[in-house]
PDB file of N, CA and C in Angstrom:
ATOM      1  N   MET A   1      15.372 -75.541  -5.586  1.00  0.00           N
ATOM      2  CA  MET A   1      13.853 -75.192  -5.832  1.00  0.00           C
ATOM      3  C   MET A   1      12.980 -76.253  -4.954  1.00  0.00           C
ATOM      4  N   ALA A   2      12.168 -75.562  -4.532  1.00  0.00           N
ATOM      5  CA  ALA A   2      11.331 -76.326  -3.383  1.00  0.00           C
ATOM      6  C   ALA A   2      10.477 -77.411  -4.372  1.00  0.00           C
ATOM      7  N   LYS A   3      10.230 -78.435  -3.773  1.00  0.00           N
ATOM      8  CA  LYS A   3       9.341 -79.390  -4.503  1.00  0.00           C
ATOM      9  C   LYS A   3       7.943 -78.838  -4.432  1.00  0.00           C
ATOM     10  N   MET A   4       7.029 -79.353  -5.355  1.00  0.00           N
ATOM     11  CA  MET A   4       5.766 -79.161  -5.306  1.00  0.00           C
ATOM     12  C   MET A   4       4.833 -80.356  -5.416  1.00  0.00           C
ATOM     13  N   ASP A   5       3.771 -80.392  -4.630  1.00  0.00           N
ATOM     14  CA  ASP A   5       3.045 -81.524  -4.777  1.00  0.00           C
ATOM     15  C   ASP A   5       2.270 -81.709  -6.101  1.00  0.00           C
ATOM     16  N   PRO A   6       2.389 -82.866  -6.681  1.00  0.00           N
ATOM     17  CA  PRO A   6       2.183 -83.178  -8.108  1.00  0.00           C
ATOM     18  C   PRO A   6       0.581 -82.763  -8.282  1.00  0.00           C
ATOM     19  N   GLU A   7      -0.361 -82.694  -7.376  1.00  0.00           N
ATOM     20  CA  GLU A   7      -1.568 -82.537  -7.554  1.00  0.00           C
ATOM     21  C   GLU A   7      -1.903 -81.096  -7.779  1.00  0.00           C
ATOM     22  N   PHE A   8      -1.256 -80.391  -6.705  1.00  0.00           N
ATOM     23  CA  PHE A   8      -0.855 -79.000  -6.930  1.00  0.00           C
ATOM     24  C   PHE A   8      -0.584 -78.223  -8.183  1.00  0.00           C
ATOM     25  N   LYS A   9       0.603 -79.106  -8.628  1.00  0.00           N
ATOM     26  CA  LYS A   9       1.161 -78.516  -9.930  1.00  0.00           C
ATOM     27  C   LYS A   9       0.304 -78.862 -11.327  1.00  0.00           C
ATOM     28  N   GLU A  10      -0.669 -79.895 -11.000  1.00  0.00           N
ATOM     29  CA  GLU A  10      -1.799 -79.935 -12.066  1.00  0.00           C
ATOM     30  C   GLU A  10      -2.664 -78.886 -12.149  1.00  0.00           C
ATOM     31  N   TRP A  11      -3.134 -78.573 -10.845  1.00  0.00           N
ATOM     32  CA  TRP A  11      -4.056 -77.542 -10.731  1.00  0.00           C
ATOM     33  C   TRP A  11      -3.340 -76.297 -11.315  1.00  0.00           C
ATOM     34  N   LEU A  12      -2.313 -75.887 -10.990  1.00  0.00           N
ATOM     35  CA  LEU A  12      -1.594 -74.723 -11.592  1.00  0.00           C
ATOM     36  C   LEU A  12      -1.800 -74.915 -13.190  1.00  0.00           C
ATOM     37  N   ASN A  13      -1.256 -76.052 -13.667  1.00  0.00           N
ATOM     38  CA  ASN A  13      -1.438 -76.187 -15.180  1.00  0.00           C
ATOM     39  C   ASN A  13      -2.805 -75.882 -15.700  1.00  0.00           C
ATOM     40  N   ARG A  14      -3.677 -76.454 -15.068  1.00  0.00           N
ATOM     41  CA  ARG A  14      -5.116 -76.024 -15.505  1.00  0.00           C
ATOM     42  C   ARG A  14      -5.828 -74.770 -15.531  1.00  0.00           C
ATOM     43  N   ASN A  15      -5.239 -74.270 -14.206  1.00  0.00           N
ATOM     44  CA  ASN A  15      -5.931 -72.809 -14.017  1.00  0.00           C
ATOM     45  C   ASN A  15      -5.154 -71.488 -14.249  1.00  0.00           C
ATOM     46  N   THR A  16      -4.017 -71.803 -15.055  1.00  0.00           N
ATOM     47  CA  THR A  16      -2.894 -70.648 -15.305  1.00  0.00           C
ATOM     48  C   THR A  16      -2.693 -69.624 -13.913  1.00  0.00           C
ATOM     49  N   TYR A  17      -2.496 -70.553 -12.708  1.00  0.00           N
ATOM     50  CA  TYR A  17      -2.020 -69.938 -11.626  1.00  0.00           C
ATOM     51  C   TYR A  17      -3.263 -69.056 -11.185  1.00  0.00           C
ATOM     52  N   GLY A  18      -4.343 -68.752 -11.953  1.00  0.00           N
ATOM     53  CA  GLY A  18      -5.380 -67.992 -11.232  1.00  0.00           C
ATOM     54  C   GLY A  18      -5.138 -66.656 -10.961  1.00  0.00           C
ATOM     55  N   THR A  19      -6.164 -65.992 -10.149  1.00  0.00           N
ATOM     56  CA  THR A  19      -6.008 -64.675  -9.854  1.00  0.00           C
ATOM     57  C   THR A  19      -6.029 -64.500  -8.250  1.00  0.00           C
ATOM     58  N   TYR A  20      -5.390 -63.557  -7.542  1.00  0.00           N
ATOM     59  CA  TYR A  20      -5.197 -63.190  -6.406  1.00  0.00           C
ATOM     60  C   TYR A  20      -5.592 -61.674  -6.169  1.00  0.00           C
ATOM     61  N   GLN A  21      -6.620 -61.465  -5.414  1.00  0.00           N
ATOM     62  CA  GLN A  21      -6.939 -59.937  -5.364  1.00  0.00           C
ATOM     63  C   GLN A  21      -7.305 -59.230  -6.697  1.00  0.00           C
ATOM     64  N   GLY A  22      -7.597 -59.945  -7.729  1.00  0.00           N
ATOM     65  CA  GLY A  22      -7.962 -59.407  -8.761  1.00  0.00           C
ATOM     66  C   GLY A  22      -6.668 -59.327  -9.904  1.00  0.00           C
ATOM     67  N   VAL A  23      -5.503 -59.772  -9.407  1.00  0.00           N
ATOM     68  CA  VAL A  23      -4.287 -59.774 -10.202  1.00  0.00           C
ATOM     69  C   VAL A  23      -4.130 -61.074 -10.709  1.00  0.00           C
ATOM     70  N   GLU A  24      -3.573 -61.174 -11.865  1.00  0.00           N
ATOM     71  CA  GLU A  24      -3.384 -62.542 -12.469  1.00  0.00           C
ATOM     72  C   GLU A  24      -2.048 -63.105 -11.982  1.00  0.00           C
ATOM     73  N   ILE A  25      -1.977 -63.991 -11.265  1.00  0.00           N
ATOM     74  CA  ILE A  25      -0.696 -64.879 -10.964  1.00  0.00           C
ATOM     75  C   ILE A  25      -0.333 -65.738 -11.912  1.00  0.00           C
ATOM     76  N   THR A  26       1.060 -65.576 -12.398  1.00  0.00           N
ATOM     77  CA  THR A  26       1.663 -66.350 -13.333  1.00  0.00           C
ATOM     78  C   THR A  26       3.186 -66.820 -12.624  1.00  0.00           C
ATOM     79  N   PRO A  27       3.785 -67.551 -13.407  1.00  0.00           N
ATOM     80  CA  PRO A  27       5.323 -67.760 -12.878  1.00  0.00           C
ATOM     81  C   PRO A  27       6.082 -66.375 -12.755  1.00  0.00           C
ATOM     82  N   ASP A  28       5.729 -65.308 -13.529  1.00  0.00           N
ATOM     83  CA  ASP A  28       6.551 -64.256 -13.637  1.00  0.00           C
ATOM     84  C   ASP A  28       6.130 -63.239 -12.838  1.00  0.00           C
ATOM     85  N   THR A  29       4.985 -63.461 -12.007  1.00  0.00           N
ATOM     86  CA  THR A  29       4.367 -62.484 -11.101  1.00  0.00           C
ATOM     87  C   THR A  29       5.622 -62.011  -9.981  1.00  0.00           C
ATOM     88  N   GLN A  30       5.756 -60.700  -9.752  1.00  0.00           N
ATOM     89  CA  GLN A  30       7.053 -60.286  -8.720  1.00  0.00           C
ATOM     90  C   GLN A  30       6.396 -60.242  -7.329  1.00  0.00           C
ATOM     91  N   LEU A  31       7.192 -60.926  -6.541  1.00  0.00           N
ATOM     92  CA  LEU A  31       7.108 -60.601  -5.197  1.00  0.00           C
ATOM     93  C   LEU A  31       8.285 -60.122  -4.508  1.00  0.00           C
ATOM     94  N   VAL A  32       7.932 -59.364  -3.298  1.00  0.00           N
ATOM     95  CA  VAL A  32       8.990 -58.505  -2.618  1.00  0.00           C
ATOM     96  C   VAL A  32       8.863 -58.885  -1.288  1.00  0.00           C
ATOM     97  N   SER A  33      10.079 -58.908  -0.456  1.00  0.00           N
ATOM     98  CA  SER A  33      10.175 -58.955   1.153  1.00  0.00           C
ATOM     99  C   SER A  33      11.312 -57.824   1.657  1.00  0.00           C
ATOM    100  N   TYR A  34      11.166 -57.627   2.757  1.00  0.00           N
ATOM    101  CA  TYR A  34      11.997 -56.701   3.180  1.00  0.00           C
ATOM    102  C   TYR A  34      12.688 -56.969   4.400  1.00  0.00           C
ATOM    103  N   THR A  35      13.835 -56.716   4.820  1.00  0.00           N
ATOM    104  CA  THR A  35      14.727 -57.255   6.084  1.00  0.00           C
ATOM    105  C   THR A  35      14.737 -56.065   7.070  1.00  0.00           C
ATOM    106  N   TYR A  36      14.741 -56.531   8.164  1.00  0.00           N
ATOM    107  CA  TYR A  36      14.773 -55.501   9.314  1.00  0.00           C
ATOM    108  C   TYR A  36      16.043 -56.272  10.176  1.00  0.00           C
ATOM    109  N   VAL A  37      16.579 -55.324  10.968  1.00  0.00           N
ATOM    110  CA  VAL A  37      17.856 -55.246  11.721  1.00  0.00           C
ATOM    111  C   VAL A  37      17.542 -55.055  13.179  1.00  0.00           C
ATOM    112  N   ILE A  38      17.439 -55.919  14.139  1.00  0.00           N
ATOM    113  CA  ILE A  38      17.466 -55.707  15.462  1.00  0.00           C
ATOM    114  C   ILE A  38      18.866 -56.003  16.397  1.00  0.00           C
ATOM    115  N   SER A  39      19.505 -55.143  17.088  1.00  0.00           N
ATOM    116  CA  SER A  39      20.585 -55.182  17.737  1.00  0.00           C
ATOM    117  C   SER A  39      20.560 -55.081  19.282  1.00  0.00           C
ATOM    118  N   ILE A  40      21.319 -56.055  19.878  1.00  0.00           N
ATOM    119  CA  ILE A  40      21.288 -55.736  21.277  1.00  0.00           C
ATOM    120  C   ILE A  40      22.949 -55.957  21.823  1.00  0.00           C
ATOM    121  N   LEU A  41      23.457 -54.834  22.141  1.00  0.00           N
ATOM    122  CA  LEU A  41      24.989 -54.722  22.325  1.00  0.00           C
ATOM    123  C   LEU A  41      25.643 -55.404  21.521  1.00  0.00           C
ATOM    124  N   VAL A  42      26.076 -56.753  21.748  1.00  0.00           N
ATOM    125  CA  VAL A  42      26.898 -57.492  20.708  1.00  0.00           C
ATOM    126  C   VAL A  42      26.383 -58.577  19.920  1.00  0.00           C
ATOM    127  N   MET A  43      25.121 -58.585  19.987  1.00  0.00           N
ATOM    128  CA  MET A  43      24.050 -59.546  19.235  1.00  0.00           C
ATOM    129  C   MET A  43      23.249 -58.577  18.258  1.00  0.00           C
ATOM    130  N   THR A  44      23.355 -59.123  16.949  1.00  0.00           N
ATOM    131  CA  THR A  44      22.641 -58.445  15.866  1.00  0.00           C
ATOM    132  C   THR A  44      21.998 -59.596  14.915  1.00  0.00           C
ATOM    133  N   PHE A  45      20.651 -59.391  14.854  1.00  0.00           N
ATOM    134  CA  PHE A  45      19.752 -60.212  14.206  1.00  0.00           C
ATOM    135  C   PHE A  45      19.188 -59.577  12.879  1.00  0.00           C
ATOM    136  N   ARG A  46      19.019 -60.428  11.828  1.00  0.00           N
ATOM    137  CA  ARG A  46      18.394 -59.697  10.562  1.00  0.00           C
ATOM    138  C   ARG A  46      17.349 -60.908  10.261  1.00  0.00           C
ATOM    139  N   ARG A  47      16.224 -60.563  10.056  1.00  0.00           N
ATOM    140  CA  ARG A  47      15.039 -61.147   9.719  1.00  0.00           C
ATOM    141  C   ARG A  47      14.317 -60.665   8.449  1.00  0.00           C
ATOM    142  N   SER A  48      13.686 -61.425   7.896  1.00  0.00           N
ATOM    143  CA  SER A  48      12.603 -60.709   6.806  1.00  0.00           C
ATOM    144  C   SER A  48      11.250 -61.188   6.847  1.00  0.00           C
ATOM    145  N   THR A  49      10.586 -60.138   6.152  1.00  0.00           N
ATOM    146  CA  THR A  49       9.122 -60.428   6.357  1.00  0.00           C
ATOM    147  C   THR A  49       8.913 -61.482   5.282  1.00  0.00           C
ATOM    148  N   ARG A  50       7.496 -61.530   5.405  1.00  0.00           N
ATOM    149  CA  ARG A  50       6.965 -62.662   4.210  1.00  0.00           C
ATOM    150  C   ARG A  50       6.987 -62.039   2.746  1.00  0.00           C
ATOM    151  N   TYR A  51       6.998 -62.818   1.964  1.00  0.00           N
ATOM    152  CA  TYR A  51       6.854 -62.225   0.418  1.00  0.00           C
ATOM    153  C   TYR A  51       5.577 -61.695   0.179  1.00  0.00           C
ATOM    154  N   TYR A  52       5.397 -60.589  -0.386  1.00  0.00           N
ATOM    155  CA  TYR A  52       4.040 -59.814  -0.676  1.00  0.00           C
ATOM    156  C   TYR A  52       4.086 -59.813  -2.236  1.00  0.00           C
ATOM    157  N   PHE A  53       2.832 -60.205  -3.140  1.00  0.00           N
ATOM    158  CA  PHE A  53       2.527 -60.017  -4.356  1.00  0.00           C
ATOM    159  C   PHE A  53       2.656 -58.682  -4.465  1.00  0.00           C
ATOM    160  N   LYS A  54       3.557 -58.055  -5.462  1.00  0.00           N
ATOM    161  CA  LYS A  54       3.893 -56.854  -5.742  1.00  0.00           C
ATOM    162  C   LYS A  54       2.711 -55.982  -6.332  1.00  0.00           C
ATOM    163  N   GLU A  55       2.013 -56.393  -6.896  1.00  0.00           N
ATOM    164  CA  GLU A  55       0.766 -55.595  -7.547  1.00  0.00           C
ATOM    165  C   GLU A  55      -0.398 -55.888  -6.760  1.00  0.00           C
ATOM    166  N   ALA A  56      -0.462 -57.153  -6.224  1.00  0.00           N
ATOM    167  CA  ALA A  56      -1.861 -57.349  -5.501  1.00  0.00           C
ATOM    168  C   ALA A  56      -1.771 -56.912  -4.244  1.00  0.00           C
ATOM    169  N   GLU A  57      -0.518 -57.039  -3.648  1.00  0.00           N
ATOM    170  CA  GLU A  57      -0.401 -56.380  -2.077  1.00  0.00           C
ATOM    171  C   GLU A  57       0.324 -55.383  -2.038  1.00  0.00           C
ATOM    172  N   ALA A  58       0.306 -54.197  -2.600  1.00  0.00           N
ATOM    173  CA  ALA A  58       0.986 -53.129  -2.941  1.00  0.00           C
ATOM    174  C   ALA A  58       0.957 -52.414  -1.621  1.00  0.00           C
ATOM    175  N   GLY A  59      -0.169 -52.035  -1.085  1.00  0.00           N
ATOM    176  CA  GLY A  59      -0.308 -51.540   0.386  1.00  0.00           C
ATOM    177  C   GLY A  59       0.296 -52.091   1.299  1.00  0.00           C
ATOM    178  N   LYS A  60       0.125 -53.310   1.395  1.00  0.00           N
ATOM    179  CA  LYS A  60       0.708 -54.115   2.782  1.00  0.00           C
ATOM    180  C   LYS A  60       2.077 -54.135   2.623  1.00  0.00           C
ATOM    181  N   ALA A  61       2.736 -54.394   1.240  1.00  0.00           N
ATOM    182  CA  ALA A  61       3.885 -54.104   1.169  1.00  0.00           C
ATOM    183  C   ALA A  61       4.873 -52.842   1.410  1.00  0.00           C
ATOM    184  N   MET A  62       3.911 -51.756   1.048  1.00  0.00           N
ATOM    185  CA  MET A  62       4.575 -50.529   1.467  1.00  0.00           C
ATOM    186  C   MET A  62       4.525 -50.353   2.939  1.00  0.00           C
ATOM    187  N   VAL A  63       3.603 -50.765   3.704  1.00  0.00           N
ATOM    188  CA  VAL A  63       3.685 -50.613   5.198  1.00  0.00           C
ATOM    189  C   VAL A  63       4.775 -51.451   5.805  1.00  0.00           C
ATOM    190  N   ALA A  64       5.035 -52.742   5.150  1.00  0.00           N
ATOM    191  CA  ALA A  64       6.089 -53.546   5.665  1.00  0.00           C
ATOM    192  C   ALA A  64       7.412 -52.818   5.310  1.00  0.00           C
ATOM    193  N   LYS A  65       7.483 -52.327   4.237  1.00  0.00           N
ATOM    194  CA  LYS A  65       8.756 -51.545   3.941  1.00  0.00           C
ATOM    195  C   LYS A  65       9.211 -50.544   4.761  1.00  0.00           C
ATOM    196  N   ILE A  66       8.017 -49.585   5.044  1.00  0.00           N
ATOM    197  CA  ILE A  66       8.281 -48.371   6.052  1.00  0.00           C
ATOM    198  C   ILE A  66       8.614 -49.028   7.331  1.00  0.00           C
ATOM    199  N   LEU A  67       7.989 -49.981   8.127  1.00  0.00           N
ATOM    200  CA  LEU A  67       8.238 -50.600   9.318  1.00  0.00           C
ATOM    201  C   LEU A  67       9.516 -51.072   9.325  1.00  0.00           C
ATOM    202  N   CYS A  68      10.014 -51.808   8.228  1.00  0.00           N
ATOM    203  CA  CYS A  68      11.376 -52.278   8.376  1.00  0.00           C
ATOM    204  C   CYS A  68      12.317 -51.271   8.294  1.00  0.00           C
ATOM    205  N   ILE A  69      12.155 -50.197   7.535  1.00  0.00           N
ATOM    206  CA  ILE A  69      13.232 -49.203   7.653  1.00  0.00           C
ATOM    207  C   ILE A  69      13.256 -48.637   9.065  1.00  0.00           C
ATOM    208  N   LEU A  70      12.090 -48.191   9.547  1.00  0.00           N
ATOM    209  CA  LEU A  70      12.271 -47.587  10.785  1.00  0.00           C
ATOM    210  C   LEU A  70      12.750 -48.506  11.838  1.00  0.00           C
ATOM    211  N   CYS A  71      12.381 -49.654  11.901  1.00  0.00           N
ATOM    212  CA  CYS A  71      13.041 -50.600  12.780  1.00  0.00           C
ATOM    213  C   CYS A  71      14.485 -50.716  12.854  1.00  0.00           C
ATOM    214  N   ASN A  72      14.860 -50.667  11.334  1.00  0.00           N
ATOM    215  CA  ASN A  72      16.358 -50.536  11.093  1.00  0.00           C
ATOM    216  C   ASN A  72      16.903 -49.413  11.657  1.00  0.00           C
ATOM    217  N   LEU A  73      16.348 -48.241  11.474  1.00  0.00           N
ATOM    218  CA  LEU A  73      16.951 -46.942  12.025  1.00  0.00           C
ATOM    219  C   LEU A  73      16.931 -46.782  13.499  1.00  0.00           C
ATOM    220  N   ILE A  74      15.901 -47.437  14.296  1.00  0.00           N
ATOM    221  CA  ILE A  74      15.770 -47.228  15.760  1.00  0.00           C
ATOM    222  C   ILE A  74      16.633 -48.301  16.396  1.00  0.00           C
ATOM    223  N   CYS A  75      16.479 -49.690  15.839  1.00  0.00           N
ATOM    224  CA  CYS A  75      16.671 -50.809  16.573  1.00  0.00           C
ATOM    225  C   CYS A  75      18.129 -51.602  16.071  1.00  0.00           C
ATOM    226  N   GLY A  76      18.596 -51.074  14.750  1.00  0.00           N
ATOM    227  CA  GLY A  76      19.662 -51.749  14.003  1.00  0.00           C
ATOM    228  C   GLY A  76      20.962 -51.506  14.430  1.00  0.00           C
ATOM    229  N   TRP A  77      21.269 -50.162  14.953  1.00  0.00           N
ATOM    230  CA  TRP A  77      22.657 -49.737  15.181  1.00  0.00           C
ATOM    231  C   TRP A  77      23.352 -50.315  16.397  1.00  0.00           C
ATOM    232  N   TRP A  78      22.705 -50.669  17.139  1.00  0.00           N
ATOM    233  CA  TRP A  78      23.252 -50.826  18.658  1.00  0.00           C
ATOM    234  C   TRP A  78      24.244 -52.078  18.789  1.00  0.00           C
ATOM    235  N   GLY A  79      24.230 -52.930  17.786  1.00  0.00           N
ATOM    236  CA  GLY A  79      25.168 -54.019  18.021  1.00  0.00           C
ATOM    237  C   GLY A  79      26.456 -53.889  17.388  1.00  0.00           C
ATOM    238  N   ILE A  80      27.598 -54.137  17.963  1.00  0.00           N
ATOM    239  CA  ILE A  80      28.948 -53.869  17.493  1.00  0.00           C
ATOM    240  C   ILE A  80      29.362 -55.410  17.257  1.00  0.00           C
ATOM    241  N   PRO A  81      29.953 -55.498  15.945  1.00  0.00           N
ATOM    242  CA  PRO A  81      30.343 -54.789  14.919  1.00  0.00           C
ATOM    243  C   PRO A  81      29.244 -54.440  13.845  1.00  0.00           C
ATOM    244  N   TRP A  82      28.325 -55.702  13.794  1.00  0.00           N
ATOM    245  CA  TRP A  82      27.282 -56.013  12.741  1.00  0.00           C
ATOM    246  C   TRP A  82      26.277 -55.122  12.561  1.00  0.00           C
ATOM    247  N   GLY A  83      25.886 -54.463  13.842  1.00  0.00           N
ATOM    248  CA  GLY A  83      24.629 -53.634  13.597  1.00  0.00           C
ATOM    249  C   GLY A  83      24.716 -52.591  12.788  1.00  0.00           C
ATOM    250  N   PRO A  84      25.778 -51.497  12.843  1.00  0.00           N
ATOM    251  CA  PRO A  84      25.845 -50.517  11.996  1.00  0.00           C
ATOM    252  C   PRO A  84      25.726 -51.028  10.333  1.00  0.00           C
ATOM    253  N   ILE A  85      26.864 -52.067  10.363  1.00  0.00           N
ATOM    254  CA  ILE A  85      27.048 -52.641   9.030  1.00  0.00           C
ATOM    255  C   ILE A  85      25.877 -53.237   8.229  1.00  0.00           C
ATOM    256  N   TRP A  86      25.122 -54.001   8.900  1.00  0.00           N
ATOM    257  CA  TRP A  86      23.699 -54.538   8.317  1.00  0.00           C
ATOM    258  C   TRP A  86      22.636 -53.556   8.242  1.00  0.00           C
ATOM    259  N   THR A  87      22.558 -52.592   9.159  1.00  0.00           N
ATOM    260  CA  THR A  87      21.681 -51.664   9.253  1.00  0.00           C
ATOM    261  C   THR A  87      21.680 -50.674   7.915  1.00  0.00           C
ATOM    262  N   VAL A  88      22.779 -50.308   7.641  1.00  0.00           N
ATOM    263  CA  VAL A  88      23.006 -49.589   6.431  1.00  0.00           C
ATOM    264  C   VAL A  88      22.728 -50.333   5.211  1.00  0.00           C
ATOM    265  N   LYS A  89      23.265 -51.503   5.135  1.00  0.00           N
ATOM    266  CA  LYS A  89      23.112 -52.420   3.992  1.00  0.00           C
ATOM    267  C   LYS A  89      21.583 -52.624   3.929  1.00  0.00           C
ATOM    268  N   GLU A  90      20.756 -53.170   4.707  1.00  0.00           N
ATOM    269  CA  GLU A  90      19.447 -53.510   4.686  1.00  0.00           C
ATOM    270  C   GLU A  90      18.527 -52.258   4.519  1.00  0.00           C
ATOM    271  N   THR A  91      18.764 -51.304   5.164  1.00  0.00           N
ATOM    272  CA  THR A  91      18.092 -50.203   4.807  1.00  0.00           C
ATOM    273  C   THR A  91      18.166 -49.518   3.352  1.00  0.00           C
ATOM    274  N   VAL A  92      19.459 -49.530   2.650  1.00  0.00           N
ATOM    275  CA  VAL A  92      19.519 -49.244   1.324  1.00  0.00           C
ATOM    276  C   VAL A  92      19.020 -50.237   0.471  1.00  0.00           C
ATOM    277  N   VAL A  93      18.825 -51.634   0.469  1.00  0.00           N
ATOM    278  CA  VAL A  93      18.238 -52.595   0.140  1.00  0.00           C
ATOM    279  C   VAL A  93      16.632 -52.523   0.110  1.00  0.00           C
ATOM    280  N   ASN A  94      16.119 -52.239   1.203  1.00  0.00           N
ATOM    281  CA  ASN A  94      14.711 -51.704   1.396  1.00  0.00           C
ATOM    282  C   ASN A  94      14.308 -50.468   0.674  1.00  0.00           C
ATOM    283  N   LEU A  95      15.037 -49.538   0.647  1.00  0.00           N
ATOM    284  CA  LEU A  95      14.777 -48.328   0.209  1.00  0.00           C
ATOM    285  C   LEU A  95      14.644 -48.505  -1.517  1.00  0.00           C
ATOM    286  N   VAL A  96      15.735 -49.242  -1.996  1.00  0.00           N
ATOM    287  CA  VAL A  96      15.834 -49.517  -3.498  1.00  0.00           C
ATOM    288  C   VAL A  96      14.734 -50.279  -4.069  1.00  0.00           C
ATOM    289  N   ASN A  97      14.634 -51.551  -3.578  1.00  0.00           N
ATOM    290  CA  ASN A  97      13.887 -52.563  -4.198  1.00  0.00           C
ATOM    291  C   ASN A  97      13.037 -53.549  -3.334  1.00  0.00           C
ATOM    292  N   GLY A  98      14.173 -53.731  -2.111  1.00  0.00           N
ATOM    293  CA  GLY A  98      13.674 -54.816  -1.427  1.00  0.00           C
ATOM    294  C   GLY A  98      14.183 -56.257  -2.015  1.00  0.00           C
ATOM    295  N   ASN A  99      13.846 -57.445  -1.396  1.00  0.00           N
ATOM    296  CA  ASN A  99      14.402 -58.586  -1.751  1.00  0.00           C
ATOM    297  C   ASN A  99      13.287 -59.192  -2.857  1.00  0.00           C
ATOM    298  N   LYS A 100      13.669 -59.099  -4.192  1.00  0.00           N
ATOM    299  CA  LYS A 100      12.696 -59.529  -5.266  1.00  0.00           C
ATOM    300  C   LYS A 100      12.794 -61.107  -5.748  1.00  0.00           C
ATOM    301  N   LYS A 101      11.777 -61.508  -5.892  1.00  0.00           N
ATOM    302  CA  LYS A 101      11.753 -62.783  -6.410  1.00  0.00           C
ATOM    303  C   LYS A 101      10.382 -63.001  -7.397  1.00  0.00           C
ATOM    304  N   THR A 102      10.450 -63.954  -8.318  1.00  0.00           N
ATOM    305  CA  THR A 102       9.155 -64.325  -8.983  1.00  0.00           C
ATOM    306  C   THR A 102       8.530 -65.431  -8.211  1.00  0.00           C
ATOM    307  N   TRP A 103       7.238 -65.545  -8.463  1.00  0.00           N
ATOM    308  CA  TRP A 103       6.394 -66.711  -8.060  1.00  0.00           C
ATOM    309  C   TRP A 103       6.850 -67.954  -8.490  1.00  0.00           C
ATOM    310  N   GLY A 104       7.290 -68.087  -9.871  1.00  0.00           N
ATOM    311  CA  GLY A 104       8.131 -69.386 -10.422  1.00  0.00           C
ATOM    312  C   GLY A 104       9.328 -69.737  -9.585  1.00  0.00           C
ATOM    313  N   GLU A 105      10.119 -68.719  -9.225  1.00  0.00           N
ATOM    314  CA  GLU A 105      11.295 -69.039  -8.582  1.00  0.00           C
ATOM    315  C   GLU A 105      10.803 -69.744  -7.071  1.00  0.00           C
ATOM    316  N   ILE A 106       9.616 -69.115  -6.466  1.00  0.00           N
ATOM    317  CA  ILE A 106       9.357 -69.726  -5.146  1.00  0.00           C
ATOM    318  C   ILE A 106       8.653 -71.141  -5.117  1.00  0.00           C
ATOM    319  N   VAL A 107       7.720 -71.181  -6.095  1.00  0.00           N
ATOM    320  CA  VAL A 107       7.098 -72.593  -6.110  1.00  0.00           C
ATOM    321  C   VAL A 107       7.615 -73.380  -7.317  1.00  0.00           C
ATOM    322  N   GLY A 108       8.307 -73.005  -7.996  1.00  0.00           N
ATOM    323  CA  GLY A 108       8.768 -73.788  -9.184  1.00  0.00           C
ATOM    324  C   GLY A 108       7.745 -73.657 -10.522  1.00  0.00           C
ATOM    325  N   LYS A 109       8.120 -73.608 -11.660  1.00  0.00           N
ATOM    326  CA  LYS A 109       7.372 -73.676 -12.730  1.00  0.00           C
ATOM    327  C   LYS A 109       6.748 -74.976 -13.109  1.00  0.00           C
ATOM    328  N   PRO A 110       5.378 -74.986 -13.172  1.00  0.00           N
ATOM    329  CA  PRO A 110       4.747 -76.361 -13.370  1.00  0.00           C
ATOM    330  C   PRO A 110       4.957 -77.002 -14.255  1.00  0.00           C
ATOM    331  N   ASN A 111       5.557 -76.353 -15.550  1.00  0.00           N
ATOM    332  CA  ASN A 111       5.794 -77.083 -16.629  1.00  0.00           C
ATOM    333  C   ASN A 111       7.250 -77.634 -16.704  1.00  0.00           C
ATOM    334  N   GLU A 112       8.024 -77.301 -15.514  1.00  0.00           N
ATOM    335  CA  GLU A 112       9.363 -77.752 -15.613  1.00  0.00           C
ATOM    336  C   GLU A 112       9.532 -79.323 -15.509  1.00  0.00           C
ATOM    337  N   ALA A 113      10.451 -80.109 -16.080  1.00  0.00           N
ATOM    338  CA  ALA A 113      10.577 -81.460 -15.716  1.00  0.00           C
ATOM    339  C   ALA A 113      11.493 -81.449 -14.459  1.00  0.00           C
ATOM    340  N   GLU A 114      11.070 -82.566 -13.909  1.00  0.00           N
ATOM    341  CA  GLU A 114      11.814 -82.822 -12.452  1.00  0.00           C
ATOM    342  C   GLU A 114      12.571 -84.195 -12.672  1.00  0.00           C
TER     343      GLU A 114
END
């Protein structure tokens, strides 16, 4: 788990995480990222988008999901042997749910003892 600045942790405790674009942000707030695959002959690369707040950034997350799926289908297949394998895997993951985490998993829950 990533370390958190004590001053920021105190702010989070006082402000209950606050709101972001009108959505209450708590340790249980869901985030999602998507993975895209790019292949060039024998080289294949997997990269992920940033995490999007699932409720507050639903539109941006949907655009990222669509672009990653299109990138996979157009650019992912060409690397042998991992291109086709990773393309199918990441396209299915993106279609189903993407890579999910909670805000608490990323920044650490402020009330946790360290």
